[in-house]
Amino acid sequence: MKSRQKARLNPCLPCLLLGNPSVLPPPRDVTPLGLLLELEHKMPDGQTIRHSWDKSDAPLLFWQEGQQAIYAFARKRLGPKKPRSGRLPAGAAGAYTRWNAGRRPTEKYDVEVPAIQMRRAGAGGSILYRSDKFGPLTNYIHPFEKGVEVDLSPGQPPAVFYIRGGTLRLTPRGLEG
């Protein structure tokens, strides 16, 4: 009886039962996108799961050009920022400039991301994020196209999300695919 109560209280417990765990591909040369406010994904049985946060505890959202993927990290999961010298890798610099309507990055830093076990959570539904890509902070909603998949870390709420697949890409208009 107790486990049934937990399943009802934890809206993504079914997510954690899908697939075998795998280690999150290490994010390299990522571009900050903003704050993740809401993420929906569909389970194989068709059930839609929605994760949501307010802006004070929202995970940080990043894009990785090489993998055409989105990472979202709860702030407590990231290590300290370390200033980075030298040039920003071309993929990350280009993605940042594209995302920010031509603005060039002003700082670069490395952040430690520990090895994290992930599980497949299902097909991507939509994402609501907050960004200053065109000036003032604004909320944006992006419905995912077919083929986008969501993985998540164990825990409630999950501390890490990895979103990739389909025709996901970063354009001057924002996220597409």
Protein backbone atom coordinates (compact mmCIF):
# COMPACT_ATOMS: atom_id res chain seq x y z
CA MET A 1 0.00 0.00 0.00
CA LYS A 2 2.78 2.42 0.87
CA SER A 3 4.44 2.07 -2.57
CA ARG A 4 1.12 2.82 -4.32
CA GLN A 5 0.81 6.04 -2.33
CA LYS A 6 4.32 7.03 -3.34
CA ALA A 7 3.57 6.35 -6.99
CA ARG A 8 0.61 8.73 -6.87
CA LEU A 9 2.56 11.42 -5.02
CA ASN A 10 5.61 11.23 -7.30
CA PRO A 11 4.29 12.13 -10.76
CA CYS A 12 7.37 10.81 -12.52
CA LEU A 13 7.92 7.52 -10.69
CA PRO A 14 6.89 5.67 -13.89
CA CYS A 15 9.67 7.55 -15.73
CA LEU A 16 12.28 5.99 -13.51
CA LEU A 17 11.09 2.48 -14.37
CA LEU A 18 11.74 2.88 -18.11
CA GLY A 19 14.81 1.52 -19.82
CA ASN A 20 18.22 0.75 -18.42
CA PRO A 21 20.22 3.46 -16.73
CA SER A 22 23.02 5.06 -18.71
CA VAL A 23 25.55 7.74 -17.86
CA LEU A 24 24.80 11.27 -19.05
CA PRO A 25 27.04 12.23 -21.98
CA PRO A 26 29.38 14.85 -20.52
CA PRO A 27 28.36 18.33 -21.61
CA ARG A 28 31.20 20.07 -23.42
CA ASP A 29 31.31 23.64 -24.63
CA VAL A 30 27.68 24.39 -23.83
CA THR A 31 25.81 27.64 -24.34
CA PRO A 32 23.51 28.99 -21.59
CA LEU A 33 19.92 29.41 -22.76
CA GLY A 34 18.07 30.51 -19.63
CA LEU A 35 15.89 28.89 -16.96
CA LEU A 36 13.76 25.78 -17.41
CA LEU A 37 10.28 26.56 -16.06
CA GLU A 38 8.33 23.58 -17.37
CA LEU A 39 9.00 20.37 -19.29
CA GLU A 40 6.42 17.91 -20.60
CA HIS A 41 7.12 14.46 -21.96
CA LYS A 42 4.96 11.53 -22.96
CA MET A 43 5.32 8.05 -21.52
CA PRO A 44 5.12 5.04 -23.86
CA ASP A 45 1.57 4.42 -22.57
CA GLY A 46 0.57 7.92 -23.74
CA GLN A 47 0.46 9.50 -20.27
CA THR A 48 1.83 13.07 -20.24
CA ILE A 49 4.12 14.03 -17.36
CA ARG A 50 4.76 17.70 -16.53
CA HIS A 51 7.68 18.93 -14.43
CA SER A 52 7.51 22.57 -13.36
CA TRP A 53 9.50 25.05 -11.28
CA ASP A 54 9.20 28.69 -10.32
CA LYS A 55 12.01 31.00 -11.39
CA SER A 56 13.71 30.92 -7.97
CA ASP A 57 14.51 27.19 -8.16
CA ALA A 58 14.39 26.62 -11.93
CA PRO A 59 17.14 24.45 -13.43
CA LEU A 60 19.66 26.12 -15.71
CA LEU A 61 19.18 25.34 -19.40
CA PHE A 62 22.13 24.76 -21.77
CA TRP A 63 22.57 23.88 -25.45
CA GLN A 64 25.34 21.70 -26.81
CA GLU A 65 25.95 22.36 -30.47
CA GLY A 66 27.92 19.18 -31.25
CA GLN A 67 25.21 16.86 -29.94
CA GLN A 68 22.26 19.08 -30.93
CA ALA A 69 21.02 18.55 -27.39
CA ILE A 70 19.60 20.45 -24.42
CA TYR A 71 20.85 19.91 -20.88
CA ALA A 72 19.02 21.17 -17.79
CA PHE A 73 20.74 21.10 -14.39
CA ALA A 74 19.39 21.95 -10.96
CA ARG A 75 21.80 24.56 -9.64
CA LYS A 76 22.82 22.32 -6.72
CA ARG A 77 24.12 19.67 -9.18
CA LEU A 78 26.70 21.93 -10.78
CA GLY A 79 30.12 22.49 -9.29
CA PRO A 80 31.66 25.96 -8.88
CA LYS A 81 32.28 28.19 -11.91
CA LYS A 82 35.94 28.46 -12.89
CA PRO A 83 36.97 31.31 -15.20
CA ARG A 84 38.30 30.03 -18.50
CA SER A 85 40.99 31.79 -20.49
CA GLY A 86 41.55 31.65 -24.22
CA ARG A 87 39.05 31.50 -27.02
CA LEU A 88 35.62 29.97 -26.67
CA PRO A 89 35.24 26.92 -28.92
CA ALA A 90 33.72 27.90 -32.27
CA GLY A 91 30.55 25.81 -31.81
CA ALA A 92 29.73 27.30 -28.42
CA ALA A 93 30.58 30.86 -29.49
CA GLY A 94 28.49 30.54 -32.66
CA ALA A 95 25.54 29.05 -30.78
CA TYR A 96 25.67 31.82 -28.17
CA THR A 97 25.78 34.53 -30.84
CA ARG A 98 22.90 32.91 -32.77
CA TRP A 99 20.81 32.54 -29.60
CA ASN A 100 21.44 36.09 -28.43
CA ALA A 101 20.56 37.94 -31.64
CA GLY A 102 24.16 38.68 -32.58
CA ARG A 103 25.52 39.52 -29.10
CA ARG A 104 28.95 37.98 -28.49
CA PRO A 105 29.74 36.15 -25.23
CA THR A 106 31.42 38.34 -22.61
CA GLU A 107 32.68 35.62 -20.28
CA LYS A 108 33.56 31.97 -20.40
CA TYR A 109 33.91 29.47 -17.61
CA ASP A 110 34.11 25.77 -16.87
CA VAL A 111 31.68 24.01 -14.56
CA GLU A 112 32.17 20.54 -13.15
CA VAL A 113 29.35 18.09 -13.88
CA PRO A 114 29.55 14.82 -11.96
CA ALA A 115 28.82 11.48 -13.67
CA ILE A 116 25.04 11.10 -13.48
CA GLN A 117 22.91 8.02 -14.07
CA MET A 118 20.03 8.78 -16.45
CA ARG A 119 16.92 6.92 -17.57
CA ARG A 120 14.76 7.33 -20.64
CA ALA A 121 11.60 9.27 -19.72
CA GLY A 122 9.83 9.21 -23.08
CA ALA A 123 9.07 11.44 -26.04
CA GLY A 124 9.47 15.18 -25.63
CA GLY A 125 6.20 17.12 -25.45
CA SER A 126 7.07 20.78 -24.85
CA ILE A 127 9.37 23.05 -22.94
CA LEU A 128 8.68 26.40 -21.27
CA TYR A 129 11.79 28.44 -20.56
CA ARG A 130 12.74 31.97 -19.48
CA SER A 131 15.49 33.77 -21.36
CA ASP A 132 16.85 37.21 -22.15
CA LYS A 133 17.86 36.20 -25.69
CA PHE A 134 16.14 39.24 -27.24
CA GLY A 135 16.67 41.69 -24.36
CA PRO A 136 14.37 41.61 -21.31
CA LEU A 137 13.63 38.30 -19.57
CA THR A 138 10.70 36.66 -21.35
CA ASN A 139 8.96 33.28 -21.12
CA TYR A 140 8.96 31.14 -24.27
CA ILE A 141 7.12 27.89 -25.02
CA HIS A 142 8.43 25.40 -27.53
CA PRO A 143 6.49 22.27 -28.56
CA PHE A 144 8.84 19.47 -29.63
CA GLU A 145 8.50 17.75 -32.98
CA LYS A 146 8.45 13.98 -33.44
CA GLY A 147 11.61 12.11 -32.48
CA VAL A 148 12.75 14.29 -29.55
CA GLU A 149 13.49 12.16 -26.48
CA VAL A 150 13.87 13.09 -22.81
CA ASP A 151 16.14 11.37 -20.27
CA LEU A 152 16.19 12.30 -16.58
CA SER A 153 18.14 11.59 -13.45
CA PRO A 154 16.60 9.73 -10.51
CA GLY A 155 15.13 11.75 -7.68
CA GLN A 156 12.11 13.88 -7.08
CA PRO A 157 12.26 16.31 -8.58
CA PRO A 158 14.87 15.10 -11.08
CA ALA A 159 18.02 17.24 -10.92
CA VAL A 160 19.14 16.70 -14.53
CA PHE A 161 17.36 16.46 -17.89
CA TYR A 162 18.88 15.57 -21.27
CA ILE A 163 16.77 16.34 -24.36
CA ARG A 164 17.86 15.34 -27.87
CA GLY A 165 16.84 13.80 -31.16
CA GLY A 166 14.47 14.60 -33.97
CA THR A 167 15.43 17.78 -35.80
CA LEU A 168 16.27 19.69 -32.62
CA ARG A 169 18.42 22.74 -33.40
CA LEU A 170 19.26 26.23 -32.23
CA THR A 171 18.43 29.04 -34.68
CA PRO A 172 18.37 32.84 -34.49
CA ARG A 173 14.64 32.53 -33.66
CA GLY A 174 15.39 30.16 -30.77
CA LEU A 175 14.85 26.42 -30.32
CA GLU A 176 13.35 24.48 -33.22
CA GLY A 177 12.59 20.83 -33.85
